[in-house]
Amino acid sequence: MRTRIALPALLAALGLMFLTPVAAHAHGDTVKVVVTGQRGGHVTADITWENDGDAVEEAVAATVNAVSADGSRSLGAWRLVRDPGAAPAGWTTAEVLPPGAWKVTVDVGFPSLGHGELDVAVPVVDPAPATGAPTPGAPEPAAPTPSAPAPGSSASSAAAPVPTPTDAATEPASASPAQAPPAETSDDAVWWTTAGVAATALAGAAAGLLIRRRRVRRDRSARRTS
């Protein structure tokens, strides 16, 4: 019983093994690779069967290489992945080409051999302008005009003129508190005043002594004559 079940399964597996090459062979022995350009720096390509132009539905093993126009720089090898925006035959790269001119080559090794190349130019993307920058042709904002003063404020400002440097220069020097006599001069005046008072007191005392002596002499002379 087990032999009867296993034999049909083995035959079915052998049939699938033979049918798979036949189905692939029906599309042709090679694939057609068309490098379509770039989108945002990502290389884009279409891969179809060479014989009938059908899209390759199997997984594709391919390498992408890029060389700058002057040959000084090379990038790759990168692999191709399916491009959802260009199905069913679209493929692209996950990596990005920098701005410049590049010669791009794509080599496919599975499910069949294929080759494609193209000169691709990646433009320089300008940064977005700042939101605060004025756009060309836009009117510039008007400068604010000074508001007219109120009638009362104009009268008060006219009644109280602002002093000018010339008026300040013509004011009398005596009004300035900075011209007070220095401290040394006042000390000298006090000293001289004290010395004068002392000299006057001494002179008065001397005069008083002379007057007393004269009186004593007069009294003595008067007594003698009497």
N, C-alpha and C. Protein backbone atom coordinates (compact mmCIF):
# COMPACT_ATOMS: atom_id res chain seq x y z
N MET A 1 0.84 -1.21 0.00
CA MET A 1 0.00 0.00 0.00
C MET A 1 0.86 1.25 0.00
N ARG A 2 1.93 1.24 0.83
CA ARG A 2 2.82 2.38 0.89
C ARG A 2 3.58 2.54 -0.41
N THR A 3 3.90 1.44 -1.07
CA THR A 3 4.62 1.50 -2.35
C THR A 3 3.75 2.14 -3.40
N ARG A 4 2.45 1.85 -3.43
CA ARG A 4 1.55 2.44 -4.42
C ARG A 4 1.44 3.96 -4.23
N ILE A 5 1.50 4.49 -2.98
CA ILE A 5 1.39 5.92 -2.73
C ILE A 5 2.70 6.63 -3.05
N ALA A 6 3.83 6.01 -2.72
CA ALA A 6 5.13 6.65 -2.91
C ALA A 6 5.49 6.73 -4.38
N LEU A 7 5.09 5.81 -5.18
CA LEU A 7 5.47 5.81 -6.59
C LEU A 7 4.85 6.98 -7.35
N PRO A 8 3.58 7.31 -7.22
CA PRO A 8 3.05 8.51 -7.90
C PRO A 8 3.68 9.80 -7.42
N ALA A 9 4.01 9.90 -6.15
CA ALA A 9 4.64 11.12 -5.63
C ALA A 9 6.02 11.30 -6.23
N LEU A 10 6.77 10.18 -6.39
CA LEU A 10 8.09 10.26 -6.98
C LEU A 10 8.01 10.67 -8.44
N LEU A 11 7.04 10.13 -9.14
CA LEU A 11 6.86 10.50 -10.55
C LEU A 11 6.48 11.97 -10.68
N ALA A 12 5.65 12.49 -9.77
CA ALA A 12 5.24 13.90 -9.83
C ALA A 12 6.43 14.81 -9.57
N ALA A 13 7.30 14.41 -8.63
CA ALA A 13 8.47 15.23 -8.35
C ALA A 13 9.42 15.24 -9.52
N LEU A 14 9.59 14.08 -10.17
CA LEU A 14 10.46 14.04 -11.35
C LEU A 14 9.89 14.89 -12.47
N GLY A 15 8.57 14.89 -12.59
CA GLY A 15 7.94 15.70 -13.64
C GLY A 15 8.17 17.18 -13.41
N LEU A 16 8.09 17.64 -12.16
CA LEU A 16 8.34 19.05 -11.86
C LEU A 16 9.77 19.43 -12.14
N MET A 17 10.69 18.48 -11.89
CA MET A 17 12.09 18.76 -12.14
C MET A 17 12.34 18.97 -13.63
N PHE A 18 11.65 18.19 -14.45
CA PHE A 18 11.83 18.34 -15.90
C PHE A 18 11.04 19.52 -16.46
N LEU A 19 9.90 19.85 -15.85
CA LEU A 19 9.07 20.93 -16.37
C LEU A 19 9.67 22.30 -16.08
N THR A 20 10.39 22.47 -14.97
CA THR A 20 10.95 23.77 -14.61
C THR A 20 11.95 24.27 -15.63
N PRO A 21 12.92 23.46 -16.08
CA PRO A 21 13.81 23.95 -17.14
C PRO A 21 13.07 24.21 -18.43
N VAL A 22 12.02 23.39 -18.70
CA VAL A 22 11.28 23.61 -19.94
C VAL A 22 10.58 24.96 -19.91
N ALA A 23 9.98 25.33 -18.74
CA ALA A 23 9.29 26.61 -18.64
C ALA A 23 10.26 27.76 -18.76
N ALA A 24 11.44 27.67 -18.13
CA ALA A 24 12.43 28.72 -18.25
C ALA A 24 12.97 28.79 -19.66
N HIS A 25 13.13 27.65 -20.29
CA HIS A 25 13.66 27.64 -21.65
C HIS A 25 12.67 28.25 -22.65
N ALA A 26 11.38 28.23 -22.29
CA ALA A 26 10.38 28.81 -23.19
C ALA A 26 10.53 30.31 -23.29
N HIS A 27 11.03 30.99 -22.26
CA HIS A 27 11.26 32.43 -22.29
C HIS A 27 12.54 32.80 -23.03
N GLY A 28 13.45 31.89 -23.12
CA GLY A 28 14.72 32.18 -23.78
C GLY A 28 15.89 31.91 -22.86
N ASP A 29 17.09 31.99 -23.42
CA ASP A 29 18.30 31.70 -22.65
C ASP A 29 18.91 32.95 -22.02
N THR A 30 18.47 34.11 -22.39
CA THR A 30 19.04 35.35 -21.85
C THR A 30 17.91 36.30 -21.43
N VAL A 31 18.31 37.26 -20.60
CA VAL A 31 17.38 38.29 -20.18
C VAL A 31 17.84 39.61 -20.78
N LYS A 32 16.90 40.50 -20.99
CA LYS A 32 17.19 41.83 -21.54
C LYS A 32 17.22 42.83 -20.40
N VAL A 33 18.33 43.54 -20.29
CA VAL A 33 18.51 44.52 -19.22
C VAL A 33 18.55 45.91 -19.86
N VAL A 34 17.64 46.78 -19.46
CA VAL A 34 17.58 48.15 -19.95
C VAL A 34 17.72 49.08 -18.74
N VAL A 35 18.86 49.78 -18.66
CA VAL A 35 19.05 50.75 -17.59
C VAL A 35 18.27 52.01 -17.98
N THR A 36 17.25 52.34 -17.23
CA THR A 36 16.34 53.45 -17.58
C THR A 36 16.79 54.80 -17.03
N GLY A 37 17.72 54.81 -16.09
CA GLY A 37 18.19 56.10 -15.55
C GLY A 37 18.32 56.06 -14.04
N GLN A 38 17.86 57.12 -13.41
CA GLN A 38 17.94 57.22 -11.95
C GLN A 38 16.73 58.00 -11.44
N ARG A 39 16.41 57.76 -10.18
CA ARG A 39 15.32 58.46 -9.52
C ARG A 39 15.79 58.79 -8.10
N GLY A 40 16.08 60.08 -7.90
CA GLY A 40 16.61 60.48 -6.61
C GLY A 40 17.97 59.88 -6.31
N GLY A 41 18.75 59.59 -7.35
CA GLY A 41 20.06 58.98 -7.16
C GLY A 41 20.04 57.46 -7.21
N HIS A 42 18.88 56.84 -7.13
CA HIS A 42 18.76 55.38 -7.20
C HIS A 42 18.75 54.94 -8.67
N VAL A 43 19.61 53.98 -9.02
CA VAL A 43 19.65 53.47 -10.40
C VAL A 43 18.38 52.67 -10.65
N THR A 44 17.76 52.86 -11.82
CA THR A 44 16.55 52.13 -12.20
C THR A 44 16.82 51.34 -13.47
N ALA A 45 16.19 50.17 -13.56
CA ALA A 45 16.39 49.29 -14.72
C ALA A 45 15.16 48.40 -14.90
N ASP A 46 14.93 48.01 -16.17
CA ASP A 46 13.87 47.05 -16.51
C ASP A 46 14.53 45.76 -16.96
N ILE A 47 14.07 44.62 -16.41
CA ILE A 47 14.63 43.30 -16.76
C ILE A 47 13.48 42.43 -17.28
N THR A 48 13.60 41.99 -18.52
CA THR A 48 12.60 41.13 -19.16
C THR A 48 13.30 39.97 -19.85
N TRP A 49 12.50 38.98 -20.26
CA TRP A 49 13.06 37.87 -21.03
C TRP A 49 13.34 38.33 -22.46
N GLU A 50 14.48 37.92 -22.99
CA GLU A 50 14.89 38.36 -24.31
C GLU A 50 13.96 37.82 -25.39
N ASN A 51 13.44 36.63 -25.21
CA ASN A 51 12.69 35.97 -26.26
C ASN A 51 11.29 36.56 -26.43
N ASP A 52 10.55 36.70 -25.35
CA ASP A 52 9.15 37.13 -25.46
C ASP A 52 8.86 38.46 -24.77
N GLY A 53 9.83 39.05 -24.08
CA GLY A 53 9.61 40.34 -23.43
C GLY A 53 8.82 40.28 -22.15
N ASP A 54 8.55 39.08 -21.64
CA ASP A 54 7.83 38.97 -20.38
C ASP A 54 8.72 39.42 -19.22
N ALA A 55 8.08 39.97 -18.18
CA ALA A 55 8.83 40.37 -17.00
C ALA A 55 9.36 39.15 -16.27
N VAL A 56 10.54 39.28 -15.72
CA VAL A 56 11.13 38.18 -14.96
C VAL A 56 10.47 38.14 -13.59
N GLU A 57 9.76 37.07 -13.32
CA GLU A 57 9.05 36.94 -12.05
C GLU A 57 9.92 36.31 -10.97
N GLU A 58 10.99 35.62 -11.36
CA GLU A 58 11.86 34.99 -10.40
C GLU A 58 12.76 36.04 -9.73
N ALA A 59 13.44 35.59 -8.68
CA ALA A 59 14.44 36.44 -8.06
C ALA A 59 15.59 36.66 -9.04
N VAL A 60 16.13 37.85 -9.04
CA VAL A 60 17.20 38.23 -9.96
C VAL A 60 18.46 38.50 -9.16
N ALA A 61 19.55 37.85 -9.58
CA ALA A 61 20.85 38.11 -8.99
C ALA A 61 21.63 38.99 -9.96
N ALA A 62 21.81 40.24 -9.59
CA ALA A 62 22.46 41.19 -10.49
C ALA A 62 23.35 42.12 -9.67
N THR A 63 24.38 42.64 -10.32
CA THR A 63 25.29 43.61 -9.68
C THR A 63 25.28 44.90 -10.49
N VAL A 64 25.37 46.02 -9.77
CA VAL A 64 25.37 47.35 -10.38
C VAL A 64 26.69 48.03 -10.03
N ASN A 65 27.38 48.54 -11.05
CA ASN A 65 28.63 49.27 -10.86
C ASN A 65 28.51 50.63 -11.57
N ALA A 66 29.14 51.63 -10.97
CA ALA A 66 29.11 52.98 -11.54
C ALA A 66 30.52 53.56 -11.49
N VAL A 67 30.91 54.19 -12.62
CA VAL A 67 32.21 54.84 -12.73
C VAL A 67 31.97 56.28 -13.16
N SER A 68 32.67 57.22 -12.51
CA SER A 68 32.50 58.64 -12.86
C SER A 68 32.99 58.90 -14.27
N ALA A 69 32.55 60.04 -14.84
CA ALA A 69 32.88 60.34 -16.23
C ALA A 69 34.38 60.47 -16.45
N ASP A 70 35.12 60.98 -15.46
CA ASP A 70 36.57 61.12 -15.61
C ASP A 70 37.33 59.89 -15.14
N GLY A 71 36.61 58.86 -14.66
CA GLY A 71 37.24 57.62 -14.24
C GLY A 71 37.94 57.68 -12.90
N SER A 72 37.77 58.75 -12.16
CA SER A 72 38.47 58.89 -10.89
C SER A 72 37.74 58.22 -9.73
N ARG A 73 36.46 57.95 -9.90
CA ARG A 73 35.68 57.35 -8.81
C ARG A 73 34.88 56.17 -9.35
N SER A 74 34.71 55.16 -8.48
CA SER A 74 33.89 54.00 -8.83
C SER A 74 33.08 53.58 -7.62
N LEU A 75 31.85 53.14 -7.87
CA LEU A 75 30.94 52.71 -6.82
C LEU A 75 30.38 51.35 -7.17
N GLY A 76 30.08 50.54 -6.16
CA GLY A 76 29.54 49.21 -6.38
C GLY A 76 30.49 48.16 -5.83
N ALA A 77 30.21 46.93 -5.92
CA ALA A 77 29.03 46.45 -6.61
C ALA A 77 27.80 46.46 -5.70
N TRP A 78 26.69 46.99 -6.26
CA TRP A 78 25.43 47.00 -5.56
C TRP A 78 24.51 45.96 -6.18
N ARG A 79 23.48 45.55 -5.43
CA ARG A 79 22.52 44.58 -5.96
C ARG A 79 21.22 45.27 -6.30
N LEU A 80 20.46 44.64 -7.15
CA LEU A 80 19.16 45.16 -7.56
C LEU A 80 18.06 44.59 -6.68
N VAL A 81 17.09 45.46 -6.39
CA VAL A 81 15.88 45.03 -5.67
C VAL A 81 14.67 45.48 -6.48
N ARG A 82 13.55 44.84 -6.23
CA ARG A 82 12.35 45.18 -7.00
C ARG A 82 11.90 46.60 -6.71
N ASP A 83 11.46 47.29 -7.76
CA ASP A 83 10.98 48.66 -7.66
C ASP A 83 9.46 48.63 -7.63
N PRO A 84 8.83 48.89 -6.46
CA PRO A 84 7.37 48.81 -6.42
C PRO A 84 6.70 49.83 -7.33
N GLY A 85 7.36 50.93 -7.61
CA GLY A 85 6.73 51.94 -8.45
C GLY A 85 6.84 51.66 -9.93
N ALA A 86 7.58 50.63 -10.33
CA ALA A 86 7.75 50.32 -11.76
C ALA A 86 7.53 48.82 -12.01
N ALA A 87 6.59 48.22 -11.31
CA ALA A 87 6.28 46.80 -11.51
C ALA A 87 5.62 46.61 -12.88
N PRO A 88 5.74 45.40 -13.48
CA PRO A 88 6.37 44.21 -12.89
C PRO A 88 7.84 44.03 -13.29
N ALA A 89 8.34 44.83 -14.25
CA ALA A 89 9.70 44.60 -14.75
C ALA A 89 10.71 45.55 -14.13
N GLY A 90 10.28 46.45 -13.23
CA GLY A 90 11.18 47.46 -12.70
C GLY A 90 12.04 46.98 -11.55
N TRP A 91 13.29 47.42 -11.59
CA TRP A 91 14.25 47.11 -10.53
C TRP A 91 15.02 48.39 -10.20
N THR A 92 15.58 48.43 -9.00
CA THR A 92 16.30 49.63 -8.58
C THR A 92 17.37 49.24 -7.56
N THR A 93 18.11 50.23 -7.09
CA THR A 93 19.13 50.01 -6.07
C THR A 93 18.71 50.69 -4.77
N ALA A 94 19.11 50.08 -3.66
CA ALA A 94 18.88 50.71 -2.36
C ALA A 94 19.89 51.83 -2.11
N GLU A 95 21.06 51.76 -2.74
CA GLU A 95 22.08 52.79 -2.58
C GLU A 95 21.80 53.97 -3.51
N VAL A 96 22.45 55.09 -3.22
CA VAL A 96 22.20 56.33 -3.96
C VAL A 96 23.50 56.81 -4.59
N LEU A 97 23.42 57.20 -5.86
CA LEU A 97 24.56 57.82 -6.53
C LEU A 97 24.68 59.28 -6.12
N PRO A 98 25.88 59.76 -5.86
CA PRO A 98 26.05 61.19 -5.56
C PRO A 98 25.90 62.01 -6.83
N PRO A 99 25.69 63.32 -6.72
CA PRO A 99 25.54 64.15 -7.92
C PRO A 99 26.77 64.07 -8.81
N GLY A 100 26.51 64.05 -10.13
CA GLY A 100 27.60 63.97 -11.11
C GLY A 100 27.21 63.12 -12.29
N ALA A 101 28.16 62.92 -13.21
CA ALA A 101 27.95 62.10 -14.40
C ALA A 101 28.58 60.73 -14.16
N TRP A 102 27.81 59.66 -14.41
CA TRP A 102 28.25 58.30 -14.13
C TRP A 102 27.94 57.39 -15.32
N LYS A 103 28.82 56.40 -15.52
CA LYS A 103 28.53 55.33 -16.46
C LYS A 103 28.15 54.10 -15.66
N VAL A 104 26.87 53.69 -15.78
CA VAL A 104 26.31 52.63 -14.96
C VAL A 104 26.21 51.36 -15.79
N THR A 105 26.67 50.24 -15.22
CA THR A 105 26.56 48.92 -15.86
C THR A 105 25.84 47.97 -14.92
N VAL A 106 24.96 47.14 -15.50
CA VAL A 106 24.20 46.14 -14.74
C VAL A 106 24.47 44.78 -15.38
N ASP A 107 24.91 43.83 -14.57
CA ASP A 107 25.18 42.46 -15.03
C ASP A 107 24.31 41.50 -14.25
N VAL A 108 23.51 40.70 -14.97
CA VAL A 108 22.60 39.74 -14.37
C VAL A 108 23.19 38.34 -14.55
N GLY A 109 23.21 37.57 -13.45
CA GLY A 109 23.71 36.19 -13.51
C GLY A 109 22.64 35.14 -13.31
N PHE A 110 21.48 35.50 -12.78
CA PHE A 110 20.39 34.56 -12.54
C PHE A 110 19.08 35.31 -12.69
N PRO A 111 18.05 34.72 -13.30
CA PRO A 111 17.92 33.32 -13.76
C PRO A 111 18.63 33.03 -15.09
N SER A 112 19.05 34.08 -15.78
CA SER A 112 19.83 33.90 -17.00
C SER A 112 20.78 35.07 -17.10
N LEU A 113 21.68 35.00 -18.09
CA LEU A 113 22.66 36.06 -18.23
C LEU A 113 22.05 37.27 -18.93
N GLY A 114 22.50 38.44 -18.53
CA GLY A 114 22.05 39.68 -19.17
C GLY A 114 22.98 40.83 -18.82
N HIS A 115 23.02 41.84 -19.67
CA HIS A 115 23.92 42.97 -19.46
C HIS A 115 23.25 44.23 -20.02
N GLY A 116 23.47 45.36 -19.28
CA GLY A 116 22.97 46.66 -19.74
C GLY A 116 23.82 47.77 -19.16
N GLU A 117 23.89 48.90 -19.88
CA GLU A 117 24.68 50.04 -19.40
C GLU A 117 24.08 51.33 -19.93
N LEU A 118 24.39 52.43 -19.22
CA LEU A 118 23.84 53.72 -19.59
C LEU A 118 24.63 54.80 -18.88
N ASP A 119 24.78 55.96 -19.57
CA ASP A 119 25.37 57.14 -18.95
C ASP A 119 24.27 57.88 -18.18
N VAL A 120 24.47 58.03 -16.88
CA VAL A 120 23.46 58.60 -16.00
C VAL A 120 24.02 59.87 -15.38
N ALA A 121 23.22 60.93 -15.38
CA ALA A 121 23.60 62.21 -14.76
C ALA A 121 22.69 62.45 -13.57
N VAL A 122 23.30 62.61 -12.42
CA VAL A 122 22.55 62.88 -11.18
C VAL A 122 22.68 64.37 -10.89
N PRO A 123 21.59 65.13 -10.93
CA PRO A 123 21.69 66.58 -10.70
C PRO A 123 21.90 66.91 -9.23
N VAL A 124 22.38 68.13 -9.02
CA VAL A 124 22.55 68.64 -7.66
C VAL A 124 21.22 69.21 -7.21
N VAL A 125 20.76 68.77 -6.06
CA VAL A 125 19.48 69.23 -5.53
C VAL A 125 19.74 70.43 -4.64
N ASP A 126 19.15 71.59 -4.99
CA ASP A 126 19.31 72.81 -4.20
C ASP A 126 18.54 72.66 -2.89
N PRO A 127 19.11 73.18 -1.80
CA PRO A 127 18.38 73.12 -0.53
C PRO A 127 17.12 73.97 -0.58
N ALA A 128 16.15 73.59 0.20
CA ALA A 128 14.89 74.34 0.24
C ALA A 128 15.13 75.73 0.78
N PRO A 129 14.53 76.76 0.17
CA PRO A 129 14.73 78.13 0.67
C PRO A 129 14.14 78.30 2.05
N ALA A 130 14.74 79.19 2.80
CA ALA A 130 14.24 79.48 4.15
C ALA A 130 12.86 80.11 4.08
N THR A 131 12.02 79.78 5.07
CA THR A 131 10.65 80.30 5.05
C THR A 131 10.61 81.79 5.28
N GLY A 132 11.62 82.34 5.97
CA GLY A 132 11.60 83.77 6.25
C GLY A 132 12.13 84.63 5.13
N ALA A 133 12.75 84.02 4.08
CA ALA A 133 13.32 84.80 3.00
C ALA A 133 12.20 85.36 2.12
N PRO A 134 12.29 86.61 1.69
CA PRO A 134 11.24 87.18 0.84
C PRO A 134 11.30 86.58 -0.56
N THR A 135 10.14 86.31 -1.13
CA THR A 135 10.06 85.76 -2.47
C THR A 135 10.22 86.87 -3.49
N PRO A 136 10.83 86.55 -4.66
CA PRO A 136 10.99 87.60 -5.68
C PRO A 136 9.65 88.18 -6.11
N GLY A 137 9.59 89.48 -6.23
CA GLY A 137 8.37 90.15 -6.67
C GLY A 137 7.40 90.45 -5.55
N ALA A 138 7.64 89.93 -4.36
CA ALA A 138 6.71 90.19 -3.26
C ALA A 138 6.93 91.60 -2.72
N PRO A 139 5.88 92.34 -2.43
CA PRO A 139 6.05 93.72 -1.91
C PRO A 139 6.69 93.70 -0.54
N GLU A 140 7.61 94.64 -0.35
CA GLU A 140 8.26 94.74 0.94
C GLU A 140 7.32 95.39 1.95
N PRO A 141 7.40 94.97 3.21
CA PRO A 141 6.52 95.57 4.23
C PRO A 141 6.83 97.04 4.42
N ALA A 142 5.77 97.85 4.54
CA ALA A 142 5.95 99.30 4.70
C ALA A 142 6.51 99.61 6.07
N ALA A 143 7.40 100.63 6.09
CA ALA A 143 8.01 101.03 7.36
C ALA A 143 6.96 101.72 8.23
N PRO A 144 6.96 101.48 9.52
CA PRO A 144 5.96 102.11 10.41
C PRO A 144 6.16 103.61 10.46
N THR A 145 5.06 104.35 10.32
CA THR A 145 5.10 105.82 10.36
C THR A 145 4.93 106.29 11.78
N PRO A 146 5.67 107.33 12.21
CA PRO A 146 5.52 107.82 13.60
C PRO A 146 4.15 108.44 13.82
N SER A 147 3.54 108.11 14.93
CA SER A 147 2.21 108.62 15.25
C SER A 147 2.29 110.08 15.67
N ALA A 148 1.26 110.87 15.33
CA ALA A 148 1.23 112.29 15.66
C ALA A 148 1.03 112.46 17.15
N PRO A 149 1.74 113.40 17.80
CA PRO A 149 1.57 113.58 19.25
C PRO A 149 0.23 114.20 19.58
N ALA A 150 -0.27 113.93 20.75
CA ALA A 150 -1.54 114.50 21.20
C ALA A 150 -1.39 115.99 21.43
N PRO A 151 -2.49 116.77 21.31
CA PRO A 151 -2.39 118.23 21.49
C PRO A 151 -1.84 118.61 22.85
N GLY A 152 -2.26 117.94 23.91
CA GLY A 152 -1.78 118.28 25.24
C GLY A 152 -0.29 118.02 25.39
N SER A 153 0.18 116.92 24.83
CA SER A 153 1.59 116.59 24.97
C SER A 153 2.46 117.56 24.24
N SER A 154 2.01 118.09 23.07
CA SER A 154 2.82 119.06 22.32
C SER A 154 2.96 120.36 23.09
N ALA A 155 1.88 120.82 23.77
CA ALA A 155 1.95 122.06 24.53
C ALA A 155 2.89 121.92 25.71
N SER A 156 2.83 120.76 26.39
CA SER A 156 3.71 120.58 27.55
C SER A 156 5.15 120.48 27.13
N SER A 157 5.41 119.84 25.98
CA SER A 157 6.79 119.74 25.52
C SER A 157 7.32 121.09 25.10
N ALA A 158 6.45 121.98 24.55
CA ALA A 158 6.90 123.32 24.17
C ALA A 158 7.16 124.17 25.39
N ALA A 159 6.38 123.98 26.47
CA ALA A 159 6.56 124.80 27.66
C ALA A 159 7.81 124.43 28.42
N ALA A 160 8.28 123.20 28.33
CA ALA A 160 9.46 122.78 29.07
C ALA A 160 10.56 122.44 28.09
N PRO A 161 11.39 123.44 27.68
CA PRO A 161 12.45 123.16 26.71
C PRO A 161 13.53 122.30 27.33
N VAL A 162 14.13 121.51 26.49
CA VAL A 162 15.20 120.63 26.93
C VAL A 162 16.46 121.43 27.04
N PRO A 163 17.20 121.40 28.13
CA PRO A 163 18.44 122.18 28.26
C PRO A 163 19.48 121.67 27.29
N THR A 164 20.18 122.61 26.70
CA THR A 164 21.24 122.29 25.75
C THR A 164 22.58 122.39 26.44
N PRO A 165 23.64 121.79 25.85
CA PRO A 165 24.97 121.91 26.46
C PRO A 165 25.42 123.35 26.61
N THR A 166 24.98 124.27 25.70
CA THR A 166 25.38 125.69 25.79
C THR A 166 24.79 126.34 27.03
N ASP A 167 23.47 126.03 27.33
CA ASP A 167 22.85 126.58 28.53
C ASP A 167 23.54 126.10 29.79
N ALA A 168 23.94 124.83 29.78
CA ALA A 168 24.62 124.31 30.96
C ALA A 168 25.96 124.98 31.16
N ALA A 169 26.62 125.36 30.04
CA ALA A 169 27.93 125.99 30.17
C ALA A 169 27.82 127.42 30.68
N THR A 170 26.67 128.11 30.40
CA THR A 170 26.51 129.51 30.80
C THR A 170 25.98 129.70 32.20
N GLU A 171 25.66 128.65 32.95
CA GLU A 171 25.15 128.79 34.30
C GLU A 171 26.25 129.33 35.21
N PRO A 172 25.95 130.11 36.25
CA PRO A 172 26.98 130.67 37.15
C PRO A 172 27.72 129.58 37.85
N ALA A 173 29.02 129.87 38.06
CA ALA A 173 29.88 128.86 38.66
C ALA A 173 29.53 128.63 40.11
N SER A 174 28.88 129.63 40.78
CA SER A 174 28.56 129.47 42.19
C SER A 174 27.50 128.42 42.43
N ALA A 175 26.69 128.11 41.38
CA ALA A 175 25.63 127.12 41.56
C ALA A 175 26.17 125.72 41.61
N SER A 176 27.41 125.53 41.21
CA SER A 176 27.96 124.17 41.17
C SER A 176 28.47 123.81 42.55
N PRO A 177 28.06 122.65 43.09
CA PRO A 177 28.55 122.26 44.43
C PRO A 177 29.98 121.83 44.41
N ALA A 178 30.59 121.68 43.24
CA ALA A 178 31.97 121.20 43.18
C ALA A 178 32.96 122.29 43.51
N GLN A 179 32.53 123.58 43.64
CA GLN A 179 33.47 124.68 43.86
C GLN A 179 33.51 125.11 45.32
N ALA A 180 33.21 124.25 46.26
CA ALA A 180 33.32 124.56 47.69
C ALA A 180 34.78 124.70 48.06
N PRO A 181 35.14 125.57 49.01
CA PRO A 181 36.55 125.76 49.38
C PRO A 181 37.15 124.47 49.87
N PRO A 182 38.38 124.24 49.55
CA PRO A 182 39.01 122.99 49.98
C PRO A 182 39.11 122.93 51.48
N ALA A 183 39.28 121.74 51.98
CA ALA A 183 39.33 121.51 53.43
C ALA A 183 40.54 122.15 54.05
N GLU A 184 41.69 122.18 53.33
CA GLU A 184 42.91 122.75 53.89
C GLU A 184 42.74 124.23 54.18
N THR A 185 42.06 124.98 53.28
CA THR A 185 41.87 126.42 53.47
C THR A 185 41.04 126.70 54.72
N SER A 186 39.96 125.97 54.94
CA SER A 186 39.13 126.17 56.12
C SER A 186 39.90 125.85 57.39
N ASP A 187 40.76 124.86 57.38
CA ASP A 187 41.57 124.53 58.57
C ASP A 187 42.54 125.66 58.89
N ASP A 188 43.17 126.24 57.85
CA ASP A 188 44.10 127.36 58.08
C ASP A 188 43.37 128.56 58.69
N ALA A 189 42.16 128.86 58.19
CA ALA A 189 41.41 130.00 58.73
C ALA A 189 41.09 129.79 60.21
N VAL A 190 40.70 128.57 60.57
CA VAL A 190 40.40 128.30 61.98
C VAL A 190 41.63 128.48 62.84
N TRP A 191 42.80 128.01 62.30
CA TRP A 191 44.04 128.13 63.10
C TRP A 191 44.39 129.59 63.34
N TRP A 192 44.30 130.40 62.23
CA TRP A 192 44.63 131.82 62.39
C TRP A 192 43.64 132.52 63.33
N THR A 193 42.39 132.15 63.27
CA THR A 193 41.41 132.76 64.18
C THR A 193 41.73 132.44 65.63
N THR A 194 42.07 131.23 65.92
CA THR A 194 42.43 130.82 67.29
C THR A 194 43.67 131.55 67.77
N ALA A 195 44.67 131.65 66.85
CA ALA A 195 45.91 132.36 67.23
C ALA A 195 45.62 133.83 67.52
N GLY A 196 44.74 134.46 66.74
CA GLY A 196 44.40 135.88 66.99
C GLY A 196 43.72 136.08 68.32
N VAL A 197 42.81 135.15 68.66
CA VAL A 197 42.11 135.27 69.95
C VAL A 197 43.10 135.14 71.11
N ALA A 198 44.04 134.20 70.95
CA ALA A 198 45.03 134.00 72.03
C ALA A 198 45.92 135.23 72.18
N ALA A 199 46.35 135.80 71.00
CA ALA A 199 47.21 137.00 71.07
C ALA A 199 46.47 138.17 71.71
N THR A 200 45.19 138.32 71.38
CA THR A 200 44.40 139.41 71.96
C THR A 200 44.26 139.25 73.47
N ALA A 201 44.04 138.01 73.89
CA ALA A 201 43.91 137.76 75.33
C ALA A 201 45.20 138.09 76.07
N LEU A 202 46.36 137.72 75.47
CA LEU A 202 47.64 138.02 76.10
C LEU A 202 47.88 139.53 76.19
N ALA A 203 47.54 140.21 75.07
CA ALA A 203 47.73 141.67 75.09
C ALA A 203 46.85 142.32 76.15
N GLY A 204 45.62 141.85 76.29
CA GLY A 204 44.73 142.41 77.31
C GLY A 204 45.25 142.16 78.72
N ALA A 205 45.78 140.95 78.93
CA ALA A 205 46.32 140.65 80.26
C ALA A 205 47.52 141.53 80.59
N ALA A 206 48.37 141.74 79.55
CA ALA A 206 49.56 142.61 79.78
C ALA A 206 49.14 144.04 80.08
N ALA A 207 48.13 144.52 79.34
CA ALA A 207 47.65 145.90 79.60
C ALA A 207 47.06 146.02 80.99
N GLY A 208 46.33 144.97 81.42
CA GLY A 208 45.75 145.01 82.76
C GLY A 208 46.83 145.07 83.84
N LEU A 209 47.93 144.31 83.62
CA LEU A 209 49.03 144.34 84.59
C LEU A 209 49.67 145.72 84.66
N LEU A 210 49.86 146.35 83.50
CA LEU A 210 50.46 147.70 83.49
C LEU A 210 49.59 148.70 84.22
N ILE A 211 48.26 148.62 84.02
CA ILE A 211 47.34 149.56 84.67
C ILE A 211 47.38 149.37 86.18
N ARG A 212 47.43 148.13 86.64
CA ARG A 212 47.46 147.86 88.08
C ARG A 212 48.75 148.41 88.68
N ARG A 213 49.86 148.20 87.99
CA ARG A 213 51.14 148.70 88.51
C ARG A 213 51.12 150.24 88.64
N ARG A 214 50.53 150.87 87.59
CA ARG A 214 50.46 152.35 87.66
C ARG A 214 49.61 152.80 88.84
N ARG A 215 48.50 152.13 89.10
CA ARG A 215 47.63 152.49 90.21
C ARG A 215 48.38 152.32 91.54
N VAL A 216 49.10 151.20 91.63
CA VAL A 216 49.85 150.96 92.88
C VAL A 216 50.87 152.05 93.11
N ARG A 217 51.57 152.47 92.04
CA ARG A 217 52.58 153.52 92.17
C ARG A 217 51.92 154.84 92.57
N ARG A 218 50.76 155.14 91.99
CA ARG A 218 50.06 156.38 92.33
C ARG A 218 49.65 156.39 93.81
N ASP A 219 49.13 155.20 94.22
CA ASP A 219 48.70 155.13 95.62
C ASP A 219 49.89 155.33 96.57
N ARG A 220 51.02 154.76 96.25
CA ARG A 220 52.19 154.88 97.10
C ARG A 220 52.69 156.33 97.15
N SER A 221 52.73 156.93 95.97
CA SER A 221 53.20 158.33 95.92
C SER A 221 52.25 159.26 96.69
N ALA A 222 50.92 158.97 96.61
CA ALA A 222 49.96 159.76 97.31
C ALA A 222 50.13 159.63 98.82
N ARG A 223 50.41 158.48 99.33
CA ARG A 223 50.60 158.24 100.74
C ARG A 223 51.85 158.97 101.26
N ARG A 224 52.88 158.96 100.43
CA ARG A 224 54.10 159.60 100.85
C ARG A 224 53.91 161.11 100.98
N THR A 225 53.20 161.69 100.06
CA THR A 225 52.99 163.14 100.10
C THR A 225 52.08 163.53 101.23
N SER A 226 51.19 162.67 101.65
CA SER A 226 50.31 163.01 102.73
C SER A 226 51.02 162.87 104.05
